[in-house]
Amino acid sequence: MKYSAGIVSKSFWFLESRKTARYIIEGLKRQDIIELAVKENIYQVESEYRARRMASSIYQRLKSLPEDVLKLLVEADSETSRIIVLISIMKTDRLFFEFMHEVFRTKIITGDHILEDRDLNIFFEEKRIQSATVDKWVDSTIKRLKSEYIRMLREAGLLRYKGDKREILKPFIDSAAKKRLMKEDMAPYFSTLAGRV
C-alpha cells in the first residue's frame, strides 16, 4: 500500500460506518450502497458527489475487516465500535497505521501519555526522509495530516485535551471483543492500540 494524504478529505464517519456495516452484513455490495447514498441520502449530505465518495470510502474501509469484526462494529458498545472504525482506517491508510504504530503505541508502552507537536513533527520529518512521496508533499498538506490524525484519535476516544495538553487514552475493550479482535490479521492493529510489543 502506498503512502497517501487522502485522509485529509475524509472523516471518521462513525455513525455512517455503523450504518454501512449493517448494509454490508445484509449482503449489499458497493454499488448498492452508493445508490442508497445517492437516491435516499442515507448519509444526509448536500451533494451527490459527496454521497458517492463517502459511500465508496466507508465501504473500502469496512471491507478490510473480517466479517465477525464487521458484526462486532454493529453490535458492540460505542467505545468498542469507535476502535473498530479506527482499525478500519489503519488497515486502509499505511501512513496512519505507521503513525499509530510508531507514535501512539510507543507512547502507551513508555507511559508518556502526552501527544506533543514535536511527536507529530518528528514522525513526519522521518517519513519525508524515508519516502520520496511524502517528501514531495507541501507543508500545508503535512499540517492538515497532523490535524486530521489528532481529530481521528479524538473521535475514536483515544485522545482528550487536558488543559492545553493532548492526553492519549488507552482503549478499554471488553474481553469478548478483544478475543475477536485478536484473530486473523487483526492482531497487529489491536496490539498497536493496546501498546503491546
N, C-alpha and C. Protein backbone atom coordinates (compact mmCIF):
# COMPACT_ATOMS: atom_id res chain seq x y z
N MET A 1 0.85 -1.18 0.00
CA MET A 1 0.00 0.00 0.00
C MET A 1 0.90 1.25 0.00
N LYS A 2 0.58 2.18 -0.87
CA LYS A 2 1.38 3.40 -0.99
C LYS A 2 0.96 4.42 0.05
N TYR A 3 1.88 5.35 0.33
CA TYR A 3 1.54 6.47 1.20
C TYR A 3 0.55 7.37 0.49
N SER A 4 -0.38 7.90 1.26
CA SER A 4 -1.39 8.78 0.70
C SER A 4 -1.76 9.85 1.73
N ALA A 5 -2.10 11.02 1.22
CA ALA A 5 -2.60 12.09 2.08
C ALA A 5 -4.12 12.19 1.95
N GLY A 6 -4.73 11.19 1.36
CA GLY A 6 -6.17 11.20 1.11
C GLY A 6 -7.04 11.32 2.35
N ILE A 7 -6.49 10.98 3.49
CA ILE A 7 -7.26 11.03 4.74
C ILE A 7 -7.72 12.45 5.06
N VAL A 8 -7.04 13.45 4.51
CA VAL A 8 -7.42 14.84 4.82
C VAL A 8 -8.78 15.20 4.23
N SER A 9 -9.22 14.45 3.22
CA SER A 9 -10.52 14.75 2.62
C SER A 9 -11.61 13.80 3.13
N LYS A 10 -11.27 13.01 4.13
CA LYS A 10 -12.23 12.07 4.69
C LYS A 10 -12.45 12.39 6.16
N SER A 11 -13.43 11.77 6.74
CA SER A 11 -13.71 11.97 8.15
C SER A 11 -13.69 10.63 8.86
N PHE A 12 -13.94 10.66 10.13
CA PHE A 12 -14.01 9.43 10.92
C PHE A 12 -15.27 8.64 10.55
N TRP A 13 -16.37 9.35 10.35
CA TRP A 13 -17.63 8.76 9.89
C TRP A 13 -18.09 7.58 10.74
N PHE A 14 -18.19 7.79 12.04
CA PHE A 14 -18.57 6.71 12.94
C PHE A 14 -19.99 6.20 12.69
N LEU A 15 -20.97 7.08 12.77
CA LEU A 15 -22.37 6.65 12.59
C LEU A 15 -22.59 6.10 11.18
N GLU A 16 -21.98 6.75 10.22
CA GLU A 16 -22.12 6.31 8.83
C GLU A 16 -21.48 4.93 8.63
N SER A 17 -20.40 4.68 9.34
CA SER A 17 -19.73 3.37 9.23
C SER A 17 -20.61 2.27 9.83
N ARG A 18 -21.22 2.56 10.95
CA ARG A 18 -22.11 1.56 11.55
C ARG A 18 -23.29 1.25 10.63
N LYS A 19 -23.84 2.29 10.05
CA LYS A 19 -24.97 2.12 9.14
C LYS A 19 -24.54 1.30 7.92
N THR A 20 -23.40 1.63 7.37
CA THR A 20 -22.89 0.93 6.19
C THR A 20 -22.56 -0.52 6.52
N ALA A 21 -22.02 -0.76 7.71
CA ALA A 21 -21.71 -2.13 8.13
C ALA A 21 -22.98 -2.98 8.14
N ARG A 22 -24.08 -2.41 8.60
CA ARG A 22 -25.36 -3.15 8.58
C ARG A 22 -25.73 -3.55 7.16
N TYR A 23 -25.57 -2.61 6.23
CA TYR A 23 -25.90 -2.90 4.83
C TYR A 23 -25.00 -4.00 4.26
N ILE A 24 -23.73 -3.96 4.59
CA ILE A 24 -22.79 -4.98 4.10
C ILE A 24 -23.17 -6.34 4.67
N ILE A 25 -23.49 -6.39 5.95
CA ILE A 25 -23.90 -7.65 6.59
C ILE A 25 -25.17 -8.20 5.93
N GLU A 26 -26.06 -7.29 5.52
CA GLU A 26 -27.29 -7.71 4.83
C GLU A 26 -27.02 -8.18 3.40
N GLY A 27 -25.79 -8.01 2.93
CA GLY A 27 -25.43 -8.50 1.61
C GLY A 27 -25.34 -7.46 0.52
N LEU A 28 -25.50 -6.19 0.86
CA LEU A 28 -25.39 -5.15 -0.16
C LEU A 28 -23.94 -4.98 -0.60
N LYS A 29 -23.76 -4.72 -1.87
CA LYS A 29 -22.44 -4.50 -2.46
C LYS A 29 -22.16 -3.00 -2.54
N ARG A 30 -20.93 -2.68 -2.94
CA ARG A 30 -20.51 -1.28 -3.03
C ARG A 30 -21.51 -0.45 -3.84
N GLN A 31 -21.85 -0.93 -5.03
CA GLN A 31 -22.73 -0.16 -5.91
C GLN A 31 -24.12 0.03 -5.29
N ASP A 32 -24.61 -0.99 -4.60
CA ASP A 32 -25.92 -0.88 -3.93
C ASP A 32 -25.89 0.24 -2.88
N ILE A 33 -24.81 0.28 -2.13
CA ILE A 33 -24.69 1.28 -1.06
C ILE A 33 -24.52 2.67 -1.65
N ILE A 34 -23.77 2.77 -2.73
CA ILE A 34 -23.62 4.06 -3.40
C ILE A 34 -24.99 4.55 -3.90
N GLU A 35 -25.76 3.65 -4.47
CA GLU A 35 -27.10 4.02 -4.95
C GLU A 35 -27.99 4.49 -3.79
N LEU A 36 -27.93 3.79 -2.67
CA LEU A 36 -28.70 4.22 -1.49
C LEU A 36 -28.24 5.60 -1.02
N ALA A 37 -26.94 5.80 -1.04
CA ALA A 37 -26.39 7.09 -0.60
C ALA A 37 -26.87 8.22 -1.49
N VAL A 38 -26.97 7.96 -2.78
CA VAL A 38 -27.39 9.00 -3.73
C VAL A 38 -28.91 9.17 -3.72
N LYS A 39 -29.64 8.07 -3.86
CA LYS A 39 -31.10 8.15 -4.01
C LYS A 39 -31.83 8.44 -2.71
N GLU A 40 -31.35 7.86 -1.61
CA GLU A 40 -32.05 8.04 -0.33
C GLU A 40 -31.28 8.94 0.64
N ASN A 41 -30.13 9.40 0.20
CA ASN A 41 -29.29 10.30 1.00
C ASN A 41 -29.09 9.76 2.42
N ILE A 42 -28.68 8.50 2.51
CA ILE A 42 -28.54 7.84 3.82
C ILE A 42 -27.50 8.50 4.72
N TYR A 43 -26.58 9.25 4.14
CA TYR A 43 -25.57 9.93 4.95
C TYR A 43 -25.93 11.40 5.20
N GLN A 44 -27.03 11.83 4.64
CA GLN A 44 -27.53 13.20 4.82
C GLN A 44 -26.48 14.25 4.47
N VAL A 45 -26.00 14.15 3.24
CA VAL A 45 -25.01 15.12 2.75
C VAL A 45 -25.64 15.96 1.65
N GLU A 46 -24.98 17.06 1.33
CA GLU A 46 -25.57 18.04 0.43
C GLU A 46 -25.44 17.70 -1.06
N SER A 47 -24.40 16.97 -1.43
CA SER A 47 -24.21 16.74 -2.86
C SER A 47 -24.11 15.26 -3.19
N GLU A 48 -24.46 14.95 -4.42
CA GLU A 48 -24.37 13.57 -4.91
C GLU A 48 -22.91 13.12 -4.92
N TYR A 49 -22.02 14.03 -5.30
CA TYR A 49 -20.59 13.71 -5.33
C TYR A 49 -20.11 13.28 -3.94
N ARG A 50 -20.49 14.05 -2.93
CA ARG A 50 -20.08 13.74 -1.55
C ARG A 50 -20.67 12.40 -1.10
N ALA A 51 -21.92 12.15 -1.44
CA ALA A 51 -22.57 10.89 -1.07
C ALA A 51 -21.84 9.70 -1.69
N ARG A 52 -21.51 9.82 -2.97
CA ARG A 52 -20.78 8.74 -3.65
C ARG A 52 -19.41 8.51 -3.02
N ARG A 53 -18.73 9.59 -2.78
CA ARG A 53 -17.37 9.50 -2.22
C ARG A 53 -17.39 8.88 -0.81
N MET A 54 -18.32 9.33 0.01
CA MET A 54 -18.44 8.77 1.36
C MET A 54 -18.74 7.28 1.31
N ALA A 55 -19.74 6.92 0.50
CA ALA A 55 -20.14 5.52 0.41
C ALA A 55 -18.97 4.65 -0.03
N SER A 56 -18.25 5.11 -1.02
CA SER A 56 -17.12 4.35 -1.54
C SER A 56 -15.99 4.23 -0.51
N SER A 57 -15.67 5.33 0.14
CA SER A 57 -14.59 5.33 1.14
C SER A 57 -14.94 4.47 2.35
N ILE A 58 -16.14 4.62 2.84
CA ILE A 58 -16.56 3.83 4.01
C ILE A 58 -16.61 2.35 3.65
N TYR A 59 -17.13 2.04 2.48
CA TYR A 59 -17.20 0.65 2.04
C TYR A 59 -15.79 0.04 1.97
N GLN A 60 -14.87 0.78 1.39
CA GLN A 60 -13.49 0.29 1.28
C GLN A 60 -12.90 0.01 2.65
N ARG A 61 -13.10 0.92 3.58
CA ARG A 61 -12.59 0.71 4.94
C ARG A 61 -13.19 -0.55 5.55
N LEU A 62 -14.51 -0.66 5.47
CA LEU A 62 -15.20 -1.76 6.15
C LEU A 62 -14.91 -3.11 5.52
N LYS A 63 -14.70 -3.14 4.22
CA LYS A 63 -14.40 -4.41 3.56
C LYS A 63 -13.01 -4.93 3.94
N SER A 64 -12.21 -4.10 4.57
CA SER A 64 -10.90 -4.56 5.04
C SER A 64 -11.02 -5.37 6.33
N LEU A 65 -12.20 -5.36 6.93
CA LEU A 65 -12.42 -6.05 8.20
C LEU A 65 -12.99 -7.45 7.97
N PRO A 66 -12.60 -8.41 8.81
CA PRO A 66 -13.24 -9.73 8.75
C PRO A 66 -14.73 -9.59 9.10
N GLU A 67 -15.52 -10.51 8.61
CA GLU A 67 -16.97 -10.44 8.80
C GLU A 67 -17.37 -10.40 10.28
N ASP A 68 -16.71 -11.19 11.12
CA ASP A 68 -17.09 -11.20 12.54
C ASP A 68 -16.78 -9.86 13.21
N VAL A 69 -15.75 -9.17 12.74
CA VAL A 69 -15.42 -7.85 13.29
C VAL A 69 -16.41 -6.81 12.77
N LEU A 70 -16.84 -6.98 11.54
CA LEU A 70 -17.87 -6.11 10.98
C LEU A 70 -19.16 -6.22 11.80
N LYS A 71 -19.51 -7.44 12.17
CA LYS A 71 -20.69 -7.65 13.02
C LYS A 71 -20.48 -7.02 14.40
N LEU A 72 -19.27 -7.13 14.90
CA LEU A 72 -18.95 -6.53 16.20
C LEU A 72 -19.11 -5.01 16.14
N LEU A 73 -18.74 -4.41 15.03
CA LEU A 73 -18.90 -2.96 14.84
C LEU A 73 -20.36 -2.56 15.04
N VAL A 74 -21.26 -3.37 14.52
CA VAL A 74 -22.69 -3.07 14.61
C VAL A 74 -23.24 -3.36 16.00
N GLU A 75 -22.77 -4.45 16.62
CA GLU A 75 -23.36 -4.93 17.87
C GLU A 75 -22.73 -4.36 19.14
N ALA A 76 -21.49 -3.96 19.07
CA ALA A 76 -20.74 -3.59 20.28
C ALA A 76 -21.16 -2.22 20.81
N ASP A 77 -20.67 -1.93 22.00
CA ASP A 77 -20.88 -0.61 22.59
C ASP A 77 -20.14 0.43 21.74
N SER A 78 -20.48 1.67 21.97
CA SER A 78 -19.93 2.77 21.18
C SER A 78 -18.41 2.83 21.25
N GLU A 79 -17.85 2.63 22.43
CA GLU A 79 -16.39 2.72 22.60
C GLU A 79 -15.68 1.67 21.74
N THR A 80 -16.14 0.44 21.80
CA THR A 80 -15.54 -0.63 21.01
C THR A 80 -15.75 -0.38 19.53
N SER A 81 -16.94 0.05 19.16
CA SER A 81 -17.23 0.32 17.74
C SER A 81 -16.34 1.42 17.19
N ARG A 82 -16.07 2.42 17.98
CA ARG A 82 -15.17 3.50 17.54
C ARG A 82 -13.76 2.97 17.29
N ILE A 83 -13.32 2.06 18.14
CA ILE A 83 -12.00 1.45 17.95
C ILE A 83 -11.97 0.65 16.65
N ILE A 84 -13.05 -0.03 16.36
CA ILE A 84 -13.12 -0.82 15.12
C ILE A 84 -13.08 0.10 13.89
N VAL A 85 -13.78 1.21 13.96
CA VAL A 85 -13.71 2.17 12.85
C VAL A 85 -12.28 2.67 12.69
N LEU A 86 -11.62 2.96 13.80
CA LEU A 86 -10.23 3.42 13.73
C LEU A 86 -9.34 2.34 13.11
N ILE A 87 -9.56 1.09 13.49
CA ILE A 87 -8.78 -0.01 12.91
C ILE A 87 -9.02 -0.09 11.40
N SER A 88 -10.25 0.12 10.97
CA SER A 88 -10.53 0.08 9.53
C SER A 88 -9.76 1.18 8.80
N ILE A 89 -9.58 2.30 9.45
CA ILE A 89 -8.79 3.39 8.86
C ILE A 89 -7.32 3.00 8.83
N MET A 90 -6.85 2.40 9.92
CA MET A 90 -5.45 1.95 9.98
C MET A 90 -5.17 0.90 8.90
N LYS A 91 -6.14 0.04 8.64
CA LYS A 91 -5.95 -1.03 7.66
C LYS A 91 -5.93 -0.51 6.22
N THR A 92 -6.48 0.66 6.00
CA THR A 92 -6.58 1.18 4.63
C THR A 92 -5.73 2.42 4.39
N ASP A 93 -4.99 2.84 5.40
CA ASP A 93 -4.13 4.02 5.25
C ASP A 93 -2.78 3.70 5.89
N ARG A 94 -1.81 3.39 5.06
CA ARG A 94 -0.50 2.95 5.54
C ARG A 94 0.17 3.98 6.44
N LEU A 95 0.14 5.24 6.04
CA LEU A 95 0.82 6.28 6.82
C LEU A 95 0.17 6.43 8.20
N PHE A 96 -1.15 6.39 8.24
CA PHE A 96 -1.83 6.50 9.53
C PHE A 96 -1.51 5.29 10.41
N PHE A 97 -1.47 4.10 9.82
CA PHE A 97 -1.09 2.93 10.61
C PHE A 97 0.32 3.10 11.17
N GLU A 98 1.24 3.58 10.35
CA GLU A 98 2.62 3.76 10.83
C GLU A 98 2.68 4.80 11.94
N PHE A 99 1.88 5.85 11.83
CA PHE A 99 1.81 6.84 12.91
C PHE A 99 1.32 6.17 14.20
N MET A 100 0.27 5.39 14.08
CA MET A 100 -0.28 4.72 15.26
C MET A 100 0.74 3.75 15.85
N HIS A 101 1.43 3.03 15.00
CA HIS A 101 2.40 2.03 15.47
C HIS A 101 3.65 2.69 16.05
N GLU A 102 4.15 3.69 15.38
CA GLU A 102 5.42 4.30 15.78
C GLU A 102 5.28 5.36 16.86
N VAL A 103 4.16 6.07 16.88
CA VAL A 103 4.00 7.16 17.84
C VAL A 103 3.03 6.75 18.96
N PHE A 104 1.79 6.45 18.60
CA PHE A 104 0.77 6.13 19.61
C PHE A 104 1.19 4.93 20.45
N ARG A 105 1.54 3.83 19.81
CA ARG A 105 1.93 2.60 20.51
C ARG A 105 3.12 2.85 21.43
N THR A 106 4.10 3.57 20.94
CA THR A 106 5.28 3.88 21.75
C THR A 106 4.90 4.70 22.98
N LYS A 107 4.00 5.63 22.80
CA LYS A 107 3.54 6.45 23.93
C LYS A 107 2.87 5.58 25.00
N ILE A 108 2.05 4.64 24.56
CA ILE A 108 1.38 3.74 25.51
C ILE A 108 2.41 2.88 26.24
N ILE A 109 3.35 2.32 25.49
CA ILE A 109 4.37 1.43 26.08
C ILE A 109 5.23 2.18 27.09
N THR A 110 5.66 3.39 26.75
CA THR A 110 6.57 4.13 27.63
C THR A 110 5.85 4.85 28.77
N GLY A 111 4.53 4.92 28.69
CA GLY A 111 3.78 5.61 29.73
C GLY A 111 3.78 7.12 29.57
N ASP A 112 4.30 7.61 28.46
CA ASP A 112 4.29 9.05 28.16
C ASP A 112 3.00 9.33 27.40
N HIS A 113 1.97 9.70 28.10
CA HIS A 113 0.64 9.80 27.50
C HIS A 113 0.29 11.18 26.97
N ILE A 114 1.29 12.01 26.75
CA ILE A 114 1.05 13.34 26.19
C ILE A 114 1.54 13.35 24.74
N LEU A 115 0.63 13.66 23.83
CA LEU A 115 0.98 13.77 22.41
C LEU A 115 1.32 15.23 22.14
N GLU A 116 2.58 15.46 21.89
CA GLU A 116 3.05 16.83 21.67
C GLU A 116 3.25 17.10 20.19
N ASP A 117 3.30 18.38 19.86
CA ASP A 117 3.54 18.77 18.47
C ASP A 117 4.84 18.15 17.96
N ARG A 118 5.84 18.11 18.82
CA ARG A 118 7.13 17.57 18.38
C ARG A 118 7.04 16.09 17.99
N ASP A 119 6.13 15.34 18.63
CA ASP A 119 5.94 13.93 18.26
C ASP A 119 5.46 13.83 16.82
N LEU A 120 4.51 14.68 16.48
CA LEU A 120 3.99 14.71 15.10
C LEU A 120 5.06 15.21 14.13
N ASN A 121 5.76 16.25 14.54
CA ASN A 121 6.80 16.82 13.67
C ASN A 121 7.90 15.81 13.37
N ILE A 122 8.36 15.11 14.39
CA ILE A 122 9.42 14.11 14.21
C ILE A 122 8.93 12.99 13.30
N PHE A 123 7.71 12.53 13.53
CA PHE A 123 7.17 11.45 12.70
C PHE A 123 7.17 11.86 11.23
N PHE A 124 6.64 13.03 10.92
CA PHE A 124 6.55 13.44 9.52
C PHE A 124 7.91 13.77 8.92
N GLU A 125 8.82 14.30 9.71
CA GLU A 125 10.18 14.54 9.20
C GLU A 125 10.86 13.22 8.85
N GLU A 126 10.68 12.22 9.69
CA GLU A 126 11.26 10.90 9.40
C GLU A 126 10.65 10.31 8.13
N LYS A 127 9.35 10.48 7.96
CA LYS A 127 8.68 9.95 6.76
C LYS A 127 9.16 10.69 5.51
N ARG A 128 9.43 11.97 5.65
CA ARG A 128 9.95 12.72 4.50
C ARG A 128 11.32 12.19 4.09
N ILE A 129 12.11 11.81 5.06
CA ILE A 129 13.44 11.25 4.77
C ILE A 129 13.30 9.86 4.14
N GLN A 130 12.35 9.07 4.63
CA GLN A 130 12.19 7.69 4.19
C GLN A 130 11.46 7.55 2.86
N SER A 131 10.63 8.52 2.52
CA SER A 131 9.76 8.37 1.35
C SER A 131 9.80 9.59 0.43
N ALA A 132 10.09 9.33 -0.83
CA ALA A 132 10.08 10.41 -1.82
C ALA A 132 8.67 10.96 -1.99
N THR A 133 7.67 10.10 -1.84
CA THR A 133 6.27 10.54 -1.96
C THR A 133 5.95 11.57 -0.88
N VAL A 134 6.24 11.25 0.36
CA VAL A 134 5.94 12.16 1.47
C VAL A 134 6.80 13.42 1.36
N ASP A 135 8.02 13.27 0.91
CA ASP A 135 8.92 14.41 0.78
C ASP A 135 8.39 15.45 -0.22
N LYS A 136 7.60 15.01 -1.19
CA LYS A 136 7.05 15.92 -2.20
C LYS A 136 5.86 16.73 -1.70
N TRP A 137 5.27 16.29 -0.59
CA TRP A 137 4.09 16.99 -0.09
C TRP A 137 4.47 18.36 0.46
N VAL A 138 3.63 19.34 0.19
CA VAL A 138 3.87 20.69 0.69
C VAL A 138 3.56 20.75 2.18
N ASP A 139 4.09 21.76 2.84
CA ASP A 139 3.92 21.89 4.29
C ASP A 139 2.45 21.95 4.71
N SER A 140 1.62 22.58 3.87
CA SER A 140 0.20 22.68 4.23
C SER A 140 -0.47 21.30 4.25
N THR A 141 -0.02 20.39 3.41
CA THR A 141 -0.56 19.02 3.41
C THR A 141 -0.16 18.31 4.70
N ILE A 142 1.09 18.45 5.08
CA ILE A 142 1.57 17.83 6.33
C ILE A 142 0.81 18.41 7.52
N LYS A 143 0.59 19.71 7.51
CA LYS A 143 -0.15 20.35 8.60
C LYS A 143 -1.57 19.80 8.69
N ARG A 144 -2.21 19.63 7.55
CA ARG A 144 -3.57 19.08 7.53
C ARG A 144 -3.58 17.62 8.01
N LEU A 145 -2.56 16.86 7.63
CA LEU A 145 -2.47 15.47 8.10
C LEU A 145 -2.34 15.42 9.62
N LYS A 146 -1.50 16.27 10.17
CA LYS A 146 -1.33 16.31 11.63
C LYS A 146 -2.67 16.59 12.31
N SER A 147 -3.38 17.58 11.80
CA SER A 147 -4.68 17.93 12.37
C SER A 147 -5.67 16.78 12.25
N GLU A 148 -5.64 16.12 11.10
CA GLU A 148 -6.57 15.01 10.87
C GLU A 148 -6.26 13.83 11.79
N TYR A 149 -5.00 13.54 12.00
CA TYR A 149 -4.63 12.44 12.90
C TYR A 149 -5.11 12.72 14.32
N ILE A 150 -4.95 13.95 14.76
CA ILE A 150 -5.42 14.33 16.09
C ILE A 150 -6.94 14.19 16.16
N ARG A 151 -7.63 14.64 15.13
CA ARG A 151 -9.09 14.55 15.10
C ARG A 151 -9.56 13.10 15.11
N MET A 152 -8.88 12.25 14.35
CA MET A 152 -9.24 10.82 14.31
C MET A 152 -9.10 10.20 15.70
N LEU A 153 -8.01 10.51 16.38
CA LEU A 153 -7.80 9.97 17.72
C LEU A 153 -8.86 10.48 18.70
N ARG A 154 -9.22 11.74 18.58
CA ARG A 154 -10.26 12.29 19.46
C ARG A 154 -11.60 11.62 19.20
N GLU A 155 -11.95 11.46 17.94
CA GLU A 155 -13.24 10.85 17.62
C GLU A 155 -13.28 9.37 18.00
N ALA A 156 -12.12 8.73 18.02
CA ALA A 156 -12.05 7.33 18.43
C ALA A 156 -12.08 7.19 19.96
N GLY A 157 -11.97 8.31 20.66
CA GLY A 157 -11.96 8.28 22.12
C GLY A 157 -10.60 7.95 22.69
N LEU A 158 -9.55 8.17 21.91
CA LEU A 158 -8.19 7.83 22.35
C LEU A 158 -7.34 9.06 22.65
N LEU A 159 -7.94 10.22 22.59
CA LEU A 159 -7.20 11.45 22.86
C LEU A 159 -8.17 12.47 23.44
N ARG A 160 -7.73 13.16 24.47
CA ARG A 160 -8.54 14.24 25.02
C ARG A 160 -7.62 15.39 25.40
N TYR A 161 -8.22 16.56 25.44
CA TYR A 161 -7.46 17.72 25.88
C TYR A 161 -7.58 17.85 27.39
N LYS A 162 -6.43 18.00 28.01
CA LYS A 162 -6.35 18.21 29.45
C LYS A 162 -5.61 19.53 29.61
N GLY A 163 -6.38 20.59 29.77
CA GLY A 163 -5.78 21.92 29.73
C GLY A 163 -5.33 22.19 28.31
N ASP A 164 -4.06 22.52 28.16
CA ASP A 164 -3.53 22.76 26.82
C ASP A 164 -2.75 21.57 26.28
N LYS A 165 -2.84 20.45 26.96
CA LYS A 165 -2.11 19.24 26.55
C LYS A 165 -3.07 18.22 25.93
N ARG A 166 -2.53 17.43 25.01
CA ARG A 166 -3.30 16.34 24.40
C ARG A 166 -2.91 15.04 25.09
N GLU A 167 -3.85 14.46 25.82
CA GLU A 167 -3.59 13.24 26.57
C GLU A 167 -4.08 12.01 25.81
N ILE A 168 -3.18 11.05 25.64
CA ILE A 168 -3.52 9.79 24.98
C ILE A 168 -4.21 8.88 25.99
N LEU A 169 -5.29 8.26 25.55
CA LEU A 169 -6.06 7.36 26.39
C LEU A 169 -5.95 5.94 25.84
N LYS A 170 -5.60 5.02 26.69
CA LYS A 170 -5.53 3.62 26.28
C LYS A 170 -6.95 3.10 26.13
N PRO A 171 -7.23 2.40 25.04
CA PRO A 171 -8.61 1.93 24.84
C PRO A 171 -8.99 0.83 25.82
N PHE A 172 -10.25 0.85 26.22
CA PHE A 172 -10.79 -0.25 27.01
C PHE A 172 -11.74 -1.03 26.12
N ILE A 173 -11.45 -2.31 25.98
CA ILE A 173 -12.30 -3.18 25.17
C ILE A 173 -12.60 -4.42 25.99
N ASP A 174 -13.87 -4.79 26.06
CA ASP A 174 -14.23 -5.96 26.87
C ASP A 174 -13.56 -7.22 26.32
N SER A 175 -13.46 -8.24 27.16
CA SER A 175 -12.69 -9.44 26.81
C SER A 175 -13.25 -10.19 25.61
N ALA A 176 -14.56 -10.24 25.46
CA ALA A 176 -15.15 -10.94 24.31
C ALA A 176 -14.77 -10.25 23.00
N ALA A 177 -14.86 -8.93 23.00
CA ALA A 177 -14.48 -8.17 21.81
C ALA A 177 -12.99 -8.30 21.54
N LYS A 178 -12.21 -8.29 22.61
CA LYS A 178 -10.76 -8.41 22.49
C LYS A 178 -10.38 -9.72 21.79
N LYS A 179 -11.05 -10.81 22.16
CA LYS A 179 -10.77 -12.11 21.54
C LYS A 179 -11.04 -12.06 20.04
N ARG A 180 -12.14 -11.42 19.66
CA ARG A 180 -12.47 -11.33 18.24
C ARG A 180 -11.47 -10.45 17.49
N LEU A 181 -10.98 -9.42 18.16
CA LEU A 181 -10.03 -8.52 17.52
C LEU A 181 -8.62 -9.11 17.44
N MET A 182 -8.34 -10.12 18.23
CA MET A 182 -7.01 -10.73 18.21
C MET A 182 -6.90 -11.86 17.19
N LYS A 183 -7.98 -12.14 16.47
CA LYS A 183 -7.96 -13.19 15.46
C LYS A 183 -7.36 -12.68 14.15
N GLU A 184 -6.96 -13.63 13.35
CA GLU A 184 -6.55 -13.41 11.97
C GLU A 184 -5.59 -12.24 11.81
N ASP A 185 -5.89 -11.37 10.86
CA ASP A 185 -4.98 -10.27 10.57
C ASP A 185 -5.28 -9.02 11.40
N MET A 186 -6.11 -9.16 12.42
CA MET A 186 -6.46 -8.01 13.25
C MET A 186 -5.47 -7.78 14.39
N ALA A 187 -4.72 -8.79 14.76
CA ALA A 187 -3.82 -8.71 15.92
C ALA A 187 -2.83 -7.54 15.85
N PRO A 188 -2.17 -7.29 14.71
CA PRO A 188 -1.22 -6.17 14.69
C PRO A 188 -1.88 -4.82 14.99
N TYR A 189 -3.10 -4.66 14.55
CA TYR A 189 -3.81 -3.39 14.75
C TYR A 189 -4.25 -3.24 16.20
N PHE A 190 -4.80 -4.32 16.74
CA PHE A 190 -5.22 -4.27 18.14
C PHE A 190 -4.00 -4.09 19.04
N SER A 191 -2.92 -4.80 18.74
CA SER A 191 -1.70 -4.70 19.55
C SER A 191 -1.13 -3.28 19.51
N THR A 192 -1.23 -2.64 18.37
CA THR A 192 -0.78 -1.25 18.26
C THR A 192 -1.57 -0.36 19.20
N LEU A 193 -2.88 -0.51 19.20
CA LEU A 193 -3.73 0.32 20.05
C LEU A 193 -3.55 0.00 21.53
N ALA A 194 -3.29 -1.26 21.84
CA ALA A 194 -3.14 -1.68 23.23
C ALA A 194 -1.73 -1.41 23.76
N GLY A 195 -0.82 -1.03 22.87
CA GLY A 195 0.55 -0.76 23.30
C GLY A 195 1.32 -2.02 23.62
N ARG A 196 1.06 -3.05 22.84
CA ARG A 196 1.77 -4.32 23.05
C ARG A 196 3.02 -4.37 22.19
N VAL A 197 4.02 -5.05 22.72
CA VAL A 197 5.29 -5.18 21.99
C VAL A 197 5.18 -6.27 20.96
